[in-house]
Amino acid sequence: MTRTDPTDDLPFTIAHVAEAIAAERYQWQAHAVRRALQRGLSDEEVHQTIRTGTVIESYPDDQPLPSALVLGYNGDVPVHTVVAYDVTERRLFIITVYVPDREHFEADHRTRRCKPDE
């Protein structure tokens, strides 16, 4: 059976993530802060891309918390944000933020390109 929804394996949804942002139950990791600053993205711009975004990859076995890759847009600029969510505390962690490039992603900004050795 092919899984079509990347959130199938996650204990949270984008609605949980958006609610955590709205309730200010989130924490930026230092790496995410640096990356957002490097890319000229404000806190609010990143929050908006997450709230209105789509989970495109899930990492349910990540430790210490399951995480996901969210694709959102800041205007017409695609933004990827890796988030982790603590279901017990209902708290979001913003792990990293970046603009996907054509070297690693297809034009749809959601499909990873295969490496030459794959």
Protein backbone atom coordinates (compact mmCIF):
# COMPACT_ATOMS: atom_id res chain seq x y z
CA MET A 1 0.00 0.00 0.00
CA THR A 2 1.36 3.42 -0.96
CA ARG A 3 1.01 6.12 1.63
CA THR A 4 -0.33 9.31 0.02
CA ASP A 5 -0.53 11.57 3.07
CA PRO A 6 2.81 12.19 4.81
CA THR A 7 0.98 12.90 8.08
CA ASP A 8 -0.36 9.34 8.27
CA ASP A 9 2.62 8.29 10.42
CA LEU A 10 2.67 11.39 12.61
CA PRO A 11 0.94 11.83 15.98
CA PHE A 12 0.16 15.45 15.02
CA THR A 13 -1.29 17.43 12.13
CA ILE A 14 -0.66 20.85 10.63
CA ALA A 15 -3.71 22.00 12.65
CA HIS A 16 -1.88 21.09 15.89
CA VAL A 17 1.16 23.01 14.66
CA ALA A 18 -0.88 26.08 13.68
CA GLU A 19 -2.70 26.03 17.03
CA ALA A 20 0.62 25.91 18.92
CA ILE A 21 1.81 28.98 17.02
CA ALA A 22 -1.46 30.84 17.66
CA ALA A 23 -1.24 30.00 21.38
CA GLU A 24 2.47 30.97 21.44
CA ARG A 25 3.49 27.47 22.52
CA TYR A 26 6.55 27.24 20.36
CA GLN A 27 10.30 27.46 20.68
CA TRP A 28 12.83 28.42 18.03
CA GLN A 29 15.98 26.33 18.00
CA ALA A 30 19.20 28.36 17.60
CA HIS A 31 19.85 26.78 14.20
CA ALA A 32 16.44 27.91 12.90
CA VAL A 33 17.00 31.46 14.15
CA ARG A 34 20.34 31.64 12.32
CA ARG A 35 18.89 30.23 9.10
CA ALA A 36 15.87 32.54 9.13
CA LEU A 37 18.14 35.56 9.66
CA GLN A 38 20.44 34.42 6.83
CA ARG A 39 17.44 34.21 4.53
CA GLY A 40 15.92 37.51 5.62
CA LEU A 41 12.78 35.87 7.05
CA SER A 42 11.04 37.41 10.05
CA ASP A 43 9.44 35.38 12.83
CA GLU A 44 5.99 36.26 11.53
CA GLU A 45 6.86 35.30 7.95
CA VAL A 46 8.06 31.88 9.12
CA HIS A 47 5.02 31.44 11.36
CA GLN A 48 2.75 32.30 8.42
CA THR A 49 4.46 29.80 6.11
CA ILE A 50 3.98 27.11 8.76
CA ARG A 51 0.35 27.99 9.57
CA THR A 52 -0.65 27.96 5.91
CA GLY A 53 1.76 25.23 4.85
CA THR A 54 1.52 21.56 4.02
CA VAL A 55 3.41 18.67 5.55
CA ILE A 56 5.42 17.17 2.68
CA GLU A 57 7.61 14.72 4.61
CA SER A 58 7.21 13.08 7.99
CA TYR A 59 9.86 11.78 10.34
CA PRO A 60 7.83 9.89 12.96
CA ASP A 61 10.87 8.11 14.39
CA ASP A 62 12.94 11.26 15.01
CA GLN A 63 14.19 11.61 18.56
CA PRO A 64 13.46 13.10 20.95
CA LEU A 65 10.22 14.08 19.13
CA PRO A 66 8.58 13.19 15.82
CA SER A 67 9.06 15.90 13.23
CA ALA A 68 7.92 16.98 9.79
CA LEU A 69 8.99 19.07 6.82
CA VAL A 70 6.45 21.80 6.06
CA LEU A 71 6.26 23.61 2.71
CA GLY A 72 4.79 27.08 2.85
CA TYR A 73 5.14 30.27 0.84
CA ASN A 74 6.29 33.75 1.74
CA GLY A 75 4.66 35.53 -1.17
CA ASP A 76 5.86 33.48 -4.13
CA VAL A 77 9.01 32.25 -2.36
CA PRO A 78 8.83 28.63 -1.17
CA VAL A 79 9.98 28.06 2.41
CA HIS A 80 10.73 24.72 4.04
CA THR A 81 10.51 24.48 7.82
CA VAL A 82 11.33 21.42 9.85
CA VAL A 83 9.19 21.31 12.98
CA ALA A 84 8.92 18.90 15.89
CA TYR A 85 5.85 18.66 18.07
CA ASP A 86 5.50 17.48 21.65
CA VAL A 87 2.02 15.96 21.82
CA THR A 88 2.01 15.78 25.62
CA GLU A 89 2.96 19.43 26.14
CA ARG A 90 1.26 20.59 22.92
CA ARG A 91 4.45 22.51 22.14
CA LEU A 92 6.07 23.17 18.76
CA PHE A 93 9.80 23.33 18.10
CA ILE A 94 11.04 25.12 14.99
CA ILE A 95 14.16 23.18 14.02
CA THR A 96 15.34 24.79 10.78
CA VAL A 97 14.14 27.04 7.98
CA TYR A 98 15.39 27.22 4.41
CA VAL A 99 14.42 28.02 0.84
CA PRO A 100 14.49 24.79 -1.21
CA ASP A 101 16.88 24.86 -4.15
CA ARG A 102 16.69 23.14 -7.53
CA GLU A 103 19.78 21.06 -6.74
CA HIS A 104 17.87 19.20 -4.03
CA PHE A 105 14.18 19.64 -4.98
CA GLU A 106 12.09 19.52 -8.14
CA ALA A 107 10.26 22.62 -9.40
CA ASP A 108 7.24 21.71 -7.24
CA HIS A 109 9.43 22.40 -4.14
CA ARG A 110 8.15 19.20 -2.52
CA THR A 111 9.77 16.35 -4.44
CA ARG A 112 13.38 15.54 -3.60
CA ARG A 113 15.72 14.99 -6.51
CA CYS A 114 17.47 11.64 -6.52
CA LYS A 115 21.18 11.75 -5.91
CA PRO A 116 23.27 10.48 -8.84
CA ASP A 117 24.19 7.29 -6.96
CA GLU A 118 20.56 6.39 -6.20
